[in-house]
Every structure is written in structure tokens, then in C-alpha cells.
């Protein structure tokens, strides 16, 4: 039997590498120094590539969020104008009542109080309503926040038509400022009959390095 067939797979590549390693050892400290410099440069290059990748991923988060909203039905701030008014000319349905609940949450790093003036409202599809949300900046400095909306069940998202909403824009409150922020909305009569109630939630998050022009709307 040919002994060459008994050699481990890949030995044709390993033997030259081993020989090169032995030659490097034989050359002593000079070769080791060159290897260290080469490895250090390779490490710096890989770290730079990683930083660039993370930077690019940060920019991709916004469009990825929009794609997620489209898939799951979550109301995206950037998609608010798409399908906002399912049928603005629809007639009011007086015989049908929908219970809508309002829920709010505030990120821990945002020093605001934020809550709906009314937590529950019964509405007729096709009729325009307004609900105010009370916000107060507890700190002594201007702070900017952004409200992120979501609807449950998600199937009702396309049928909740917002004509005016504080979530459309960033909101800046001066130190100790209190405001009422309005939401004007309408439930489309095309809302499926099996949906009799829905919850509109807002998560308020702090925006760093945002413009600090205070909200001119004062608390009523």
C-alpha cells in the first residue's frame, strides 16, 4: 500500500506552515517582534471593522424598526401618515360602541410625569374624539422626549385614525413645565365587528442631544 495515502488530511498544508514556524523560532527575537507587530495591526484592523459595523447597525435600527412595525402591526412614528385615515368620510355608527383604553409608561431616565386625563373612553366608530395627556417635567432643566405608540390588539392598528397626536413630533418641556398634549382620533367603521375594545399605549423615552425649545402649549 502506498504510504503517501496514510498521511493525515491537510498535511500538505500543515508541513510548510510548521517549517515556517520553525524558521521563525530559529531567527529569534526579530521574527517574534515582526509577528507581534503584524498581529497587533491585524487586531486594530479587526476592531476598526467591528466599530464600523456597530455604527452601521445603529443607523439601520430605524428602518429595521419600521419593517418590524409593518410585520407586527405596531404603530410606527415614522409610518404615522401611511394609512392614518382609513376612511375619513365614513358615516358615524351610533349603534356601535367601542371601548378604548389609554395606557402610558415612562422610561426611567426621563424625569417626567405622563398620564392620560381619561383612562377609558367609549366611542362611536366614525366620530372624531379628543383626549388630553398630561405631562410634567420634574427636573429644573429642559428635557426632550418622544412618545412611541402601539395598539392592542394589533389587528386594530389600521383602523385607529389619528388626525393630531403629540407622538408625531418630539416634545420638549422646560424645567418644571406642565402641559396637556392632545390626541384627536377616530375609529374607522370598518373595524372588524369582533373587536369591541382596544388599548392605545404610549411609551415615553428621553432623547439625548435634542433641540431644547420648550413646548409652547401650557397645561389647561
N, C-alpha and C. Protein backbone atom coordinates (compact mmCIF):
# COMPACT_ATOMS: atom_id res chain seq x y z
N UNK A 1 0.86 -1.21 0.00
CA UNK A 1 0.00 0.00 0.00
C UNK A 1 0.89 1.24 0.00
N UNK A 2 0.50 2.24 -0.79
CA UNK A 2 1.27 3.48 -0.86
C UNK A 2 1.18 4.21 0.46
N UNK A 3 2.36 4.44 1.10
CA UNK A 3 2.36 5.10 2.41
C UNK A 3 1.87 6.54 2.33
N UNK A 4 1.96 7.12 1.10
CA UNK A 4 1.51 8.51 0.97
C UNK A 4 0.05 8.65 1.25
N UNK A 5 -0.74 7.58 1.07
CA UNK A 5 -2.17 7.67 1.31
C UNK A 5 -2.53 7.66 2.79
N UNK A 6 -1.54 7.34 3.65
CA UNK A 6 -1.82 7.27 5.08
C UNK A 6 -1.60 8.59 5.79
N UNK A 7 -1.14 9.58 5.04
CA UNK A 7 -0.89 10.86 5.69
C UNK A 7 -2.21 11.54 6.07
N UNK A 8 -2.23 12.22 7.21
CA UNK A 8 -3.47 12.91 7.63
C UNK A 8 -3.89 13.92 6.58
N UNK A 9 -5.24 14.13 6.52
CA UNK A 9 -5.77 15.10 5.57
C UNK A 9 -5.24 16.48 5.89
N UNK A 10 -4.82 17.20 4.84
CA UNK A 10 -4.33 18.55 5.02
C UNK A 10 -2.87 18.63 5.39
N UNK A 11 -2.14 17.53 5.42
CA UNK A 11 -0.73 17.55 5.82
C UNK A 11 0.11 18.32 4.82
N UNK A 12 -0.32 18.36 3.56
CA UNK A 12 0.43 19.11 2.56
C UNK A 12 0.46 20.59 2.90
N UNK A 13 -0.54 21.06 3.65
CA UNK A 13 -0.59 22.47 4.05
C UNK A 13 0.05 22.68 5.42
N UNK A 14 -0.06 21.70 6.27
CA UNK A 14 0.46 21.86 7.63
C UNK A 14 1.98 21.83 7.67
N UNK A 15 2.59 21.00 6.83
CA UNK A 15 4.06 20.84 6.88
C UNK A 15 4.76 22.15 6.53
N UNK A 16 4.35 22.85 5.44
CA UNK A 16 5.03 24.13 5.16
C UNK A 16 4.83 25.15 6.27
N UNK A 17 3.62 25.17 6.88
CA UNK A 17 3.38 26.10 7.97
C UNK A 17 4.28 25.78 9.16
N UNK A 18 4.45 24.50 9.46
CA UNK A 18 5.32 24.10 10.56
C UNK A 18 6.76 24.49 10.28
N UNK A 19 7.19 24.29 9.04
CA UNK A 19 8.56 24.66 8.67
C UNK A 19 8.76 26.17 8.81
N UNK A 20 7.76 26.93 8.39
CA UNK A 20 7.88 28.38 8.51
C UNK A 20 7.96 28.79 9.97
N UNK A 21 7.16 28.12 10.83
CA UNK A 21 7.19 28.42 12.26
C UNK A 21 8.56 28.11 12.85
N UNK A 22 9.15 26.98 12.47
CA UNK A 22 10.46 26.62 12.99
C UNK A 22 11.53 27.60 12.53
N UNK A 23 11.41 28.07 11.28
CA UNK A 23 12.37 29.05 10.81
C UNK A 23 12.25 30.35 11.60
N UNK A 24 10.96 30.69 11.93
CA UNK A 24 10.75 31.90 12.72
C UNK A 24 11.38 31.78 14.09
N UNK A 25 11.22 30.62 14.69
CA UNK A 25 11.83 30.41 16.00
C UNK A 25 13.33 30.51 15.91
N UNK A 26 13.88 29.97 14.83
CA UNK A 26 15.34 29.99 14.66
C UNK A 26 15.87 31.39 14.49
N UNK A 27 15.08 32.26 13.90
CA UNK A 27 15.54 33.63 13.70
C UNK A 27 15.47 34.47 14.97
N UNK A 28 14.82 33.92 16.01
CA UNK A 28 14.87 34.56 17.31
C UNK A 28 13.94 35.73 17.47
N UNK A 29 14.41 36.69 18.27
CA UNK A 29 13.55 37.78 18.70
C UNK A 29 13.08 38.67 17.58
N UNK A 30 13.88 38.80 16.52
CA UNK A 30 13.49 39.68 15.41
C UNK A 30 12.21 39.19 14.77
N UNK A 31 12.12 37.87 14.52
CA UNK A 31 10.92 37.31 13.90
C UNK A 31 9.73 37.44 14.84
N UNK A 32 9.96 37.16 16.12
CA UNK A 32 8.86 37.28 17.09
C UNK A 32 8.34 38.70 17.15
N UNK A 33 9.23 39.68 17.07
CA UNK A 33 8.83 41.07 17.09
C UNK A 33 7.99 41.41 15.86
N UNK A 34 8.42 40.90 14.70
CA UNK A 34 7.65 41.15 13.48
C UNK A 34 6.27 40.52 13.56
N UNK A 35 6.19 39.32 14.13
CA UNK A 35 4.90 38.65 14.28
C UNK A 35 3.99 39.43 15.20
N UNK A 36 4.57 39.94 16.30
CA UNK A 36 3.75 40.71 17.24
C UNK A 36 3.21 41.98 16.59
N UNK A 37 4.07 42.65 15.80
CA UNK A 37 3.62 43.87 15.13
C UNK A 37 2.52 43.55 14.14
N UNK A 38 2.71 42.44 13.39
CA UNK A 38 1.71 42.05 12.40
C UNK A 38 0.39 41.69 13.08
N UNK A 39 0.47 40.97 14.21
CA UNK A 39 -0.75 40.60 14.93
C UNK A 39 -1.45 41.82 15.51
N UNK A 40 -0.64 42.77 15.98
CA UNK A 40 -1.23 43.99 16.55
C UNK A 40 -1.97 44.77 15.48
N UNK A 41 -1.36 44.87 14.29
CA UNK A 41 -2.02 45.58 13.20
C UNK A 41 -3.31 44.88 12.80
N UNK A 42 -3.26 43.55 12.77
CA UNK A 42 -4.45 42.79 12.41
C UNK A 42 -5.56 43.00 13.44
N UNK A 43 -5.19 43.06 14.73
CA UNK A 43 -6.17 43.28 15.78
C UNK A 43 -6.81 44.66 15.65
N UNK A 44 -5.97 45.69 15.38
CA UNK A 44 -6.50 47.04 15.21
C UNK A 44 -7.46 47.10 14.03
N UNK A 45 -7.10 46.40 12.94
CA UNK A 45 -7.96 46.40 11.75
C UNK A 45 -9.30 45.73 12.05
N UNK A 46 -9.26 44.61 12.78
CA UNK A 46 -10.50 43.92 13.10
C UNK A 46 -11.38 44.75 14.03
N UNK A 47 -10.77 45.43 15.02
CA UNK A 47 -11.53 46.27 15.93
C UNK A 47 -12.16 47.44 15.19
N UNK A 48 -11.41 48.03 14.26
CA UNK A 48 -11.96 49.13 13.47
C UNK A 48 -13.14 48.67 12.64
N UNK A 49 -13.00 47.47 12.06
CA UNK A 49 -14.10 46.91 11.28
C UNK A 49 -15.33 46.67 12.16
N UNK A 50 -15.11 46.20 13.39
CA UNK A 50 -16.21 45.95 14.31
C UNK A 50 -16.92 47.25 14.68
N UNK A 51 -16.14 48.31 14.95
CA UNK A 51 -16.74 49.60 15.29
C UNK A 51 -17.58 50.13 14.13
N UNK A 52 -17.04 50.02 12.90
CA UNK A 52 -17.80 50.48 11.73
C UNK A 52 -19.08 49.67 11.56
N UNK A 53 -18.98 48.36 11.83
CA UNK A 53 -20.18 47.52 11.73
C UNK A 53 -21.24 47.91 12.73
N UNK A 54 -20.82 48.19 13.97
CA UNK A 54 -21.77 48.60 15.00
C UNK A 54 -22.38 49.96 14.66
N UNK A 55 -21.56 50.87 14.12
CA UNK A 55 -22.06 52.19 13.72
C UNK A 55 -23.11 52.06 12.64
N UNK A 56 -22.84 51.19 11.65
CA UNK A 56 -23.81 50.96 10.58
C UNK A 56 -25.08 50.32 11.09
N UNK A 57 -24.95 49.41 12.06
CA UNK A 57 -26.13 48.76 12.63
C UNK A 57 -27.01 49.76 13.36
N UNK A 58 -26.36 50.75 14.02
CA UNK A 58 -27.12 51.78 14.71
C UNK A 58 -27.99 52.57 13.74
N UNK A 59 -27.44 52.91 12.57
CA UNK A 59 -28.22 53.62 11.56
C UNK A 59 -29.33 52.74 11.01
N UNK A 60 -29.10 51.42 10.98
CA UNK A 60 -30.09 50.51 10.41
C UNK A 60 -31.24 50.23 11.36
N UNK A 61 -31.11 50.61 12.65
CA UNK A 61 -32.15 50.29 13.62
C UNK A 61 -33.49 50.94 13.27
N UNK A 62 -33.45 52.20 12.78
CA UNK A 62 -34.71 52.90 12.47
C UNK A 62 -35.47 52.22 11.36
N UNK A 63 -34.84 51.96 10.18
CA UNK A 63 -35.60 51.23 9.15
C UNK A 63 -35.96 49.82 9.57
N UNK A 64 -35.13 49.18 10.37
CA UNK A 64 -35.48 47.84 10.85
C UNK A 64 -36.71 47.91 11.75
N UNK A 65 -36.79 48.97 12.57
CA UNK A 65 -37.97 49.15 13.42
C UNK A 65 -39.23 49.33 12.58
N UNK A 66 -39.10 50.11 11.49
CA UNK A 66 -40.25 50.33 10.62
C UNK A 66 -40.71 49.03 9.97
N UNK A 67 -39.73 48.20 9.55
CA UNK A 67 -40.08 46.91 8.97
C UNK A 67 -40.79 46.04 10.00
N UNK A 68 -40.28 46.04 11.23
CA UNK A 68 -40.92 45.27 12.31
C UNK A 68 -42.34 45.75 12.55
N UNK A 69 -42.53 47.08 12.50
CA UNK A 69 -43.87 47.62 12.70
C UNK A 69 -44.83 47.16 11.61
N UNK A 70 -44.32 47.11 10.36
CA UNK A 70 -45.16 46.67 9.26
C UNK A 70 -45.55 45.21 9.42
N UNK A 71 -44.61 44.40 9.92
CA UNK A 71 -44.86 42.96 10.05
C UNK A 71 -45.81 42.68 11.20
N UNK A 72 -45.58 43.36 12.34
CA UNK A 72 -46.34 43.05 13.55
C UNK A 72 -47.59 43.90 13.70
N UNK A 73 -47.66 45.02 12.96
CA UNK A 73 -48.83 45.89 13.08
C UNK A 73 -48.67 46.95 14.14
N UNK A 74 -47.48 47.07 14.74
CA UNK A 74 -47.25 48.12 15.73
C UNK A 74 -47.21 49.46 15.02
N UNK A 75 -47.77 50.48 15.65
CA UNK A 75 -47.84 51.80 15.03
C UNK A 75 -46.48 52.46 15.14
N UNK A 76 -45.84 52.67 14.01
CA UNK A 76 -44.54 53.33 13.98
C UNK A 76 -44.71 54.83 13.85
N UNK A 77 -43.87 55.60 14.55
CA UNK A 77 -43.94 57.05 14.46
C UNK A 77 -43.65 57.50 13.03
N UNK A 78 -42.65 56.89 12.38
CA UNK A 78 -42.28 57.30 11.04
C UNK A 78 -43.30 56.87 10.00
N UNK A 79 -44.19 55.91 10.35
CA UNK A 79 -45.21 55.44 9.41
C UNK A 79 -46.57 56.02 9.72
N UNK A 80 -46.62 57.05 10.55
CA UNK A 80 -47.90 57.54 11.03
C UNK A 80 -48.79 58.04 9.91
N UNK A 81 -48.22 58.56 8.80
CA UNK A 81 -49.03 59.11 7.74
C UNK A 81 -49.53 58.05 6.78
N UNK A 82 -48.99 56.85 6.85
CA UNK A 82 -49.41 55.78 5.96
C UNK A 82 -50.59 55.05 6.55
N UNK A 83 -51.75 55.24 5.95
CA UNK A 83 -52.93 54.56 6.45
C UNK A 83 -53.50 55.18 7.69
N UNK A 84 -53.15 56.45 7.95
CA UNK A 84 -53.69 57.11 9.15
C UNK A 84 -55.21 57.21 9.07
N UNK A 85 -55.71 57.59 7.89
CA UNK A 85 -57.15 57.77 7.72
C UNK A 85 -57.66 56.68 6.79
N UNK A 86 -58.22 55.63 7.37
CA UNK A 86 -58.70 54.52 6.56
C UNK A 86 -59.87 54.95 5.70
N UNK A 87 -60.78 55.71 6.26
CA UNK A 87 -61.94 56.19 5.51
C UNK A 87 -62.49 57.43 6.21
N UNK A 88 -61.90 58.63 5.95
CA UNK A 88 -62.28 59.83 6.71
C UNK A 88 -63.71 60.27 6.46
N UNK A 89 -64.29 59.84 5.35
CA UNK A 89 -65.65 60.28 5.03
C UNK A 89 -66.70 59.29 5.53
N UNK A 90 -66.29 58.33 6.33
CA UNK A 90 -67.22 57.31 6.80
C UNK A 90 -68.30 57.93 7.69
N UNK A 91 -69.47 57.36 7.64
CA UNK A 91 -70.56 57.84 8.47
C UNK A 91 -70.43 57.28 9.88
N UNK A 92 -70.91 58.07 10.84
CA UNK A 92 -70.85 57.67 12.23
C UNK A 92 -71.80 56.51 12.51
N UNK A 93 -71.34 55.54 13.28
CA UNK A 93 -72.17 54.39 13.66
C UNK A 93 -72.66 54.59 15.10
N UNK A 94 -73.84 55.14 15.25
CA UNK A 94 -74.37 55.41 16.59
C UNK A 94 -74.77 54.14 17.33
N UNK A 95 -75.03 53.09 16.59
CA UNK A 95 -75.49 51.86 17.23
C UNK A 95 -74.35 51.00 17.77
N UNK A 96 -73.13 51.41 17.54
CA UNK A 96 -71.97 50.60 17.94
C UNK A 96 -71.05 51.39 18.85
N UNK A 97 -70.64 50.77 19.95
CA UNK A 97 -69.73 51.40 20.89
C UNK A 97 -68.45 50.57 21.01
N UNK A 98 -67.32 51.26 20.97
CA UNK A 98 -66.01 50.63 21.13
C UNK A 98 -65.37 51.21 22.39
N UNK A 99 -64.88 50.35 23.26
CA UNK A 99 -64.16 50.80 24.45
C UNK A 99 -62.68 50.92 24.13
N UNK A 100 -62.15 52.10 24.34
CA UNK A 100 -60.72 52.31 24.11
C UNK A 100 -60.05 52.70 25.42
N UNK A 101 -58.98 52.01 25.74
CA UNK A 101 -58.23 52.25 26.97
C UNK A 101 -56.90 52.91 26.61
N UNK A 102 -56.46 53.82 27.47
CA UNK A 102 -55.22 54.55 27.25
C UNK A 102 -54.21 54.16 28.34
N UNK A 103 -53.03 53.79 27.90
CA UNK A 103 -52.01 53.34 28.84
C UNK A 103 -50.70 54.08 28.54
N UNK A 104 -49.95 54.39 29.58
CA UNK A 104 -48.70 55.12 29.40
C UNK A 104 -47.59 54.51 30.25
N UNK A 105 -46.37 54.68 29.78
CA UNK A 105 -45.19 54.29 30.55
C UNK A 105 -44.08 55.28 30.23
N UNK A 106 -43.19 55.50 31.20
CA UNK A 106 -42.10 56.46 31.05
C UNK A 106 -40.78 55.74 31.33
N UNK A 107 -39.82 55.92 30.45
CA UNK A 107 -38.50 55.32 30.65
C UNK A 107 -37.86 55.91 31.91
N UNK A 108 -37.15 55.09 32.68
CA UNK A 108 -36.59 55.57 33.96
C UNK A 108 -35.67 56.78 33.85
N UNK A 109 -35.00 56.97 32.69
CA UNK A 109 -34.08 58.10 32.59
C UNK A 109 -34.76 59.40 32.17
N UNK A 110 -36.09 59.37 32.01
CA UNK A 110 -36.84 60.58 31.66
C UNK A 110 -37.57 61.09 32.89
N UNK A 111 -37.21 62.27 33.41
CA UNK A 111 -37.82 62.77 34.66
C UNK A 111 -39.17 63.45 34.41
N UNK A 112 -40.09 62.72 33.83
CA UNK A 112 -41.41 63.25 33.52
C UNK A 112 -42.50 62.46 34.23
N UNK A 113 -43.59 63.16 34.52
CA UNK A 113 -44.86 62.51 34.83
C UNK A 113 -45.69 62.56 33.55
N UNK A 114 -46.35 61.44 33.23
CA UNK A 114 -47.05 61.36 31.94
C UNK A 114 -48.22 60.40 32.09
N UNK A 115 -49.42 60.91 31.87
CA UNK A 115 -50.61 60.06 32.03
C UNK A 115 -51.78 60.66 31.25
N UNK A 116 -52.73 59.81 30.84
CA UNK A 116 -53.92 60.32 30.16
C UNK A 116 -54.87 60.98 31.15
N UNK A 117 -55.54 62.03 30.70
CA UNK A 117 -56.54 62.67 31.55
C UNK A 117 -57.72 61.72 31.76
N UNK A 118 -58.07 60.97 30.72
CA UNK A 118 -59.10 59.93 30.80
C UNK A 118 -58.47 58.59 30.44
N UNK A 119 -58.66 57.60 31.30
CA UNK A 119 -58.05 56.29 31.06
C UNK A 119 -58.90 55.41 30.16
N UNK A 120 -60.19 55.61 30.16
CA UNK A 120 -61.10 54.79 29.37
C UNK A 120 -62.14 55.68 28.71
N UNK A 121 -62.47 55.34 27.47
CA UNK A 121 -63.45 56.13 26.73
C UNK A 121 -64.25 55.19 25.83
N UNK A 122 -65.55 55.39 25.78
CA UNK A 122 -66.39 54.65 24.85
C UNK A 122 -66.70 55.55 23.66
N UNK A 123 -66.43 55.02 22.46
CA UNK A 123 -66.54 55.85 21.27
C UNK A 123 -67.40 55.17 20.21
N UNK A 124 -67.99 56.00 19.35
CA UNK A 124 -68.73 55.51 18.20
C UNK A 124 -67.81 55.53 16.98
N UNK A 125 -67.70 54.45 16.24
CA UNK A 125 -66.90 54.47 15.01
C UNK A 125 -67.39 55.57 14.06
N UNK A 126 -66.43 56.26 13.45
CA UNK A 126 -66.77 57.33 12.52
C UNK A 126 -66.90 58.69 13.15
N UNK A 127 -66.79 58.79 14.48
CA UNK A 127 -66.90 60.08 15.17
C UNK A 127 -65.53 60.51 15.68
N UNK A 128 -65.27 61.81 15.56
CA UNK A 128 -63.98 62.37 15.98
C UNK A 128 -63.98 62.66 17.48
N UNK A 129 -62.90 62.25 18.16
CA UNK A 129 -62.76 62.47 19.61
C UNK A 129 -61.41 63.11 19.91
N UNK A 130 -61.33 63.74 21.08
CA UNK A 130 -60.07 64.29 21.57
C UNK A 130 -59.85 63.87 23.01
N UNK A 131 -58.64 63.44 23.28
CA UNK A 131 -58.22 63.07 24.64
C UNK A 131 -56.91 63.79 24.91
N UNK A 132 -56.76 64.33 26.12
CA UNK A 132 -55.52 65.01 26.50
C UNK A 132 -54.66 64.10 27.37
N UNK A 133 -53.35 64.26 27.20
CA UNK A 133 -52.38 63.56 28.03
C UNK A 133 -51.58 64.62 28.79
N UNK A 134 -51.55 64.48 30.12
CA UNK A 134 -50.86 65.45 30.97
C UNK A 134 -49.39 65.05 31.14
N UNK A 135 -48.51 66.01 30.89
CA UNK A 135 -47.07 65.77 31.04
C UNK A 135 -46.46 66.86 31.90
N UNK A 136 -45.52 66.46 32.75
CA UNK A 136 -44.84 67.43 33.62
C UNK A 136 -43.38 67.05 33.74
N UNK A 137 -42.52 68.04 33.52
CA UNK A 137 -41.08 67.85 33.67
C UNK A 137 -40.70 68.12 35.12
N UNK A 138 -40.27 67.08 35.83
CA UNK A 138 -39.93 67.24 37.25
C UNK A 138 -38.57 67.87 37.47
N UNK A 139 -37.73 67.90 36.43
CA UNK A 139 -36.39 68.45 36.60
C UNK A 139 -36.39 69.96 36.39
N UNK A 140 -35.27 70.59 36.69
CA UNK A 140 -35.15 72.04 36.52
C UNK A 140 -34.56 72.42 35.17
N UNK A 141 -34.24 71.43 34.33
CA UNK A 141 -33.65 71.68 33.02
C UNK A 141 -34.60 71.25 31.91
N UNK A 142 -34.49 71.85 30.72
CA UNK A 142 -35.30 71.41 29.58
C UNK A 142 -34.96 69.96 29.22
N UNK A 143 -35.98 69.18 28.93
CA UNK A 143 -35.81 67.77 28.57
C UNK A 143 -36.71 67.46 27.38
N UNK A 144 -36.18 66.70 26.43
CA UNK A 144 -36.94 66.33 25.23
C UNK A 144 -37.29 64.85 25.27
N UNK A 145 -38.54 64.55 24.96
CA UNK A 145 -39.00 63.16 24.93
C UNK A 145 -39.70 62.84 23.62
N UNK A 146 -39.81 61.56 23.35
CA UNK A 146 -40.54 61.07 22.18
C UNK A 146 -41.47 59.95 22.60
N UNK A 147 -42.73 60.07 22.24
CA UNK A 147 -43.72 59.04 22.56
C UNK A 147 -43.79 58.01 21.44
N UNK A 148 -43.69 56.74 21.81
CA UNK A 148 -43.78 55.64 20.85
C UNK A 148 -45.11 54.94 21.07
N UNK A 149 -46.01 54.98 20.08
CA UNK A 149 -47.34 54.39 20.26
C UNK A 149 -47.40 52.93 19.84
N UNK A 150 -48.36 52.22 20.41
CA UNK A 150 -48.68 50.86 19.99
C UNK A 150 -50.15 50.59 20.27
N UNK A 151 -50.71 49.67 19.52
CA UNK A 151 -52.13 49.36 19.63
C UNK A 151 -52.31 47.87 19.87
N UNK A 152 -53.21 47.52 20.78
CA UNK A 152 -53.55 46.12 21.03
C UNK A 152 -55.07 45.98 21.04
N UNK A 153 -55.59 44.98 20.34
CA UNK A 153 -54.85 44.02 19.52
C UNK A 153 -54.27 44.68 18.26
N UNK A 154 -53.18 44.12 17.75
CA UNK A 154 -52.51 44.76 16.63
C UNK A 154 -53.37 44.81 15.39
N UNK A 155 -54.39 43.94 15.30
CA UNK A 155 -55.27 43.96 14.12
C UNK A 155 -56.06 45.26 14.01
N UNK A 156 -56.18 45.99 15.14
CA UNK A 156 -56.95 47.23 15.13
C UNK A 156 -56.12 48.45 14.72
N UNK A 157 -54.83 48.27 14.55
CA UNK A 157 -53.94 49.40 14.29
C UNK A 157 -54.37 50.23 13.09
N UNK A 158 -54.68 49.58 11.98
CA UNK A 158 -55.01 50.30 10.75
C UNK A 158 -56.34 51.03 10.84
N UNK A 159 -57.15 50.73 11.86
CA UNK A 159 -58.48 51.33 11.99
C UNK A 159 -58.54 52.43 13.04
N UNK A 160 -57.41 52.69 13.71
CA UNK A 160 -57.32 53.80 14.64
C UNK A 160 -56.67 54.97 13.91
N UNK A 161 -57.49 55.93 13.51
CA UNK A 161 -57.04 57.03 12.67
C UNK A 161 -56.72 58.25 13.53
N UNK A 162 -55.44 58.66 13.54
CA UNK A 162 -55.02 59.82 14.32
C UNK A 162 -54.93 61.04 13.42
N UNK A 163 -55.71 62.07 13.75
CA UNK A 163 -55.65 63.31 13.00
C UNK A 163 -54.64 64.29 13.60
N UNK A 164 -54.45 64.19 14.90
CA UNK A 164 -53.46 65.02 15.60
C UNK A 164 -52.93 64.21 16.77
N UNK A 165 -51.60 64.20 16.93
CA UNK A 165 -51.02 63.43 18.04
C UNK A 165 -49.67 64.01 18.42
N UNK A 166 -49.44 64.12 19.71
CA UNK A 166 -48.15 64.58 20.23
C UNK A 166 -47.03 63.62 19.85
N UNK A 167 -47.40 62.38 19.50
CA UNK A 167 -46.40 61.38 19.14
C UNK A 167 -45.82 61.64 17.75
N UNK A 168 -46.43 62.56 16.98
CA UNK A 168 -45.92 62.87 15.65
C UNK A 168 -44.58 63.59 15.70
N UNK A 169 -44.32 64.28 16.82
CA UNK A 169 -43.11 65.10 16.94
C UNK A 169 -42.45 64.90 18.31
N UNK A 170 -41.20 65.32 18.38
CA UNK A 170 -40.52 65.35 19.67
C UNK A 170 -41.15 66.43 20.54
N UNK A 171 -41.17 66.19 21.84
CA UNK A 171 -41.76 67.13 22.78
C UNK A 171 -40.70 67.57 23.79
N UNK A 172 -40.51 68.89 23.89
CA UNK A 172 -39.55 69.44 24.84
C UNK A 172 -40.27 70.25 25.90
N UNK A 173 -40.01 69.93 27.14
CA UNK A 173 -40.59 70.68 28.27
C UNK A 173 -39.48 71.41 29.01
N UNK A 174 -39.73 72.69 29.31
CA UNK A 174 -38.80 73.45 30.13
C UNK A 174 -38.82 72.90 31.55
N UNK A 175 -37.85 73.34 32.35
CA UNK A 175 -37.79 72.88 33.72
C UNK A 175 -39.08 73.20 34.48
N UNK A 176 -39.66 72.18 35.13
CA UNK A 176 -40.90 72.29 35.92
C UNK A 176 -42.13 72.61 35.07
N UNK A 177 -42.02 72.55 33.76
CA UNK A 177 -43.17 72.88 32.91
C UNK A 177 -44.18 71.74 32.88
N UNK A 178 -45.46 72.12 32.85
CA UNK A 178 -46.56 71.15 32.72
C UNK A 178 -47.39 71.52 31.50
N UNK A 179 -47.78 70.51 30.72
CA UNK A 179 -48.57 70.74 29.52
C UNK A 179 -49.62 69.65 29.38
N UNK A 180 -50.69 69.99 28.63
CA UNK A 180 -51.67 68.99 28.19
C UNK A 180 -51.43 68.77 26.70
N UNK A 181 -51.16 67.55 26.32
CA UNK A 181 -50.86 67.23 24.93
C UNK A 181 -52.04 66.49 24.32
N UNK A 182 -52.63 67.02 23.24
CA UNK A 182 -53.87 66.45 22.71
C UNK A 182 -53.65 65.29 21.74
N UNK A 183 -54.62 64.42 21.72
CA UNK A 183 -54.72 63.35 20.73
C UNK A 183 -56.12 63.44 20.13
N UNK A 184 -56.23 63.67 18.83
CA UNK A 184 -57.51 63.68 18.12
C UNK A 184 -57.55 62.45 17.22
N UNK A 185 -58.58 61.66 17.40
CA UNK A 185 -58.61 60.38 16.70
C UNK A 185 -60.04 59.99 16.33
N UNK A 186 -60.10 58.97 15.47
CA UNK A 186 -61.38 58.42 15.05
C UNK A 186 -61.20 56.92 14.81
N UNK A 187 -62.16 56.14 15.26
CA UNK A 187 -62.16 54.71 14.96
C UNK A 187 -62.92 54.50 13.66
N UNK A 188 -62.30 53.83 12.73
CA UNK A 188 -62.96 53.60 11.44
C UNK A 188 -64.14 52.64 11.60
N UNK A 189 -65.27 52.93 10.92
CA UNK A 189 -66.40 52.00 10.93
C UNK A 189 -66.05 50.63 10.33
N UNK A 190 -64.93 50.58 9.62
CA UNK A 190 -64.50 49.32 9.03
C UNK A 190 -63.81 48.40 10.04
N UNK A 191 -63.68 48.84 11.27
CA UNK A 191 -63.10 47.99 12.32
C UNK A 191 -63.89 46.69 12.39
N UNK A 192 -63.22 45.54 12.35
CA UNK A 192 -63.93 44.25 12.40
C UNK A 192 -64.90 44.17 13.57
N UNK A 193 -66.06 43.57 13.33
CA UNK A 193 -67.12 43.51 14.33
C UNK A 193 -66.70 42.77 15.59
N UNK A 194 -65.77 41.82 15.48
CA UNK A 194 -65.37 41.05 16.65
C UNK A 194 -64.49 41.85 17.61
N UNK A 195 -63.97 43.00 17.17
CA UNK A 195 -63.15 43.83 18.05
C UNK A 195 -64.06 44.84 18.74
N UNK A 196 -64.25 44.67 20.02
CA UNK A 196 -65.13 45.56 20.78
C UNK A 196 -64.37 46.50 21.72
N UNK A 197 -63.08 46.24 21.90
CA UNK A 197 -62.27 47.11 22.74
C UNK A 197 -60.83 47.06 22.25
N UNK A 198 -60.10 48.10 22.53
CA UNK A 198 -58.68 48.14 22.16
C UNK A 198 -57.95 49.03 23.15
N UNK A 199 -56.64 48.87 23.17
CA UNK A 199 -55.78 49.65 24.08
C UNK A 199 -54.75 50.40 23.27
N UNK A 200 -54.67 51.70 23.50
CA UNK A 200 -53.65 52.54 22.88
C UNK A 200 -52.62 52.89 23.94
N UNK A 201 -51.40 52.46 23.71
CA UNK A 201 -50.32 52.65 24.69
C UNK A 201 -49.26 53.59 24.14
N UNK A 202 -48.70 54.38 25.05
CA UNK A 202 -47.59 55.27 24.69
C UNK A 202 -46.44 55.04 25.64
N UNK A 203 -45.26 54.77 25.07
CA UNK A 203 -44.03 54.67 25.85
C UNK A 203 -43.21 55.93 25.59
N UNK A 204 -42.93 56.65 26.64
CA UNK A 204 -42.22 57.92 26.51
C UNK A 204 -40.75 57.71 26.83
N UNK A 205 -39.89 58.12 25.87
CA UNK A 205 -38.45 57.91 26.01
C UNK A 205 -37.72 59.24 25.89
N UNK A 206 -36.59 59.35 26.57
CA UNK A 206 -35.77 60.56 26.53
C UNK A 206 -34.91 60.57 25.28
N UNK A 207 -34.80 61.75 24.67
CA UNK A 207 -33.95 61.94 23.50
C UNK A 207 -32.74 62.77 23.92
N UNK A 208 -31.56 62.20 23.74
CA UNK A 208 -30.33 62.90 24.09
C UNK A 208 -29.92 63.84 22.96
N UNK A 209 -29.29 64.96 23.32
CA UNK A 209 -28.74 65.91 22.36
C UNK A 209 -29.81 66.42 21.38
N UNK A 210 -31.03 66.53 21.86
CA UNK A 210 -32.13 67.02 21.02
C UNK A 210 -32.30 68.53 21.23
N UNK A 211 -32.90 69.24 20.25
CA UNK A 211 -33.19 70.67 20.45
C UNK A 211 -34.03 70.88 21.70
N UNK A 212 -33.75 71.98 22.40
CA UNK A 212 -34.41 72.20 23.69
C UNK A 212 -35.34 73.40 23.66
N UNK A 213 -36.05 73.60 22.56
CA UNK A 213 -37.05 74.67 22.52
C UNK A 213 -38.30 74.19 23.24
N UNK A 214 -38.69 74.84 24.32
CA UNK A 214 -39.81 74.34 25.15
C UNK A 214 -41.12 74.29 24.39
N UNK A 215 -41.98 73.37 24.79
CA UNK A 215 -43.33 73.27 24.25
C UNK A 215 -44.12 74.51 24.66
N UNK A 216 -44.76 75.17 23.68
CA UNK A 216 -45.48 76.41 23.96
C UNK A 216 -46.88 76.16 24.51
N UNK A 217 -47.33 74.91 24.45
CA UNK A 217 -48.66 74.59 24.96
C UNK A 217 -48.60 74.42 26.47
N UNK A 218 -49.36 75.19 27.19
CA UNK A 218 -49.36 75.11 28.65
C UNK A 218 -50.52 74.23 29.12
N UNK A 219 -50.39 73.75 30.33
CA UNK A 219 -51.43 72.92 30.92
C UNK A 219 -52.69 73.75 31.14
N UNK A 220 -53.83 73.19 30.67
CA UNK A 220 -55.08 73.91 30.78
C UNK A 220 -55.69 73.81 32.16
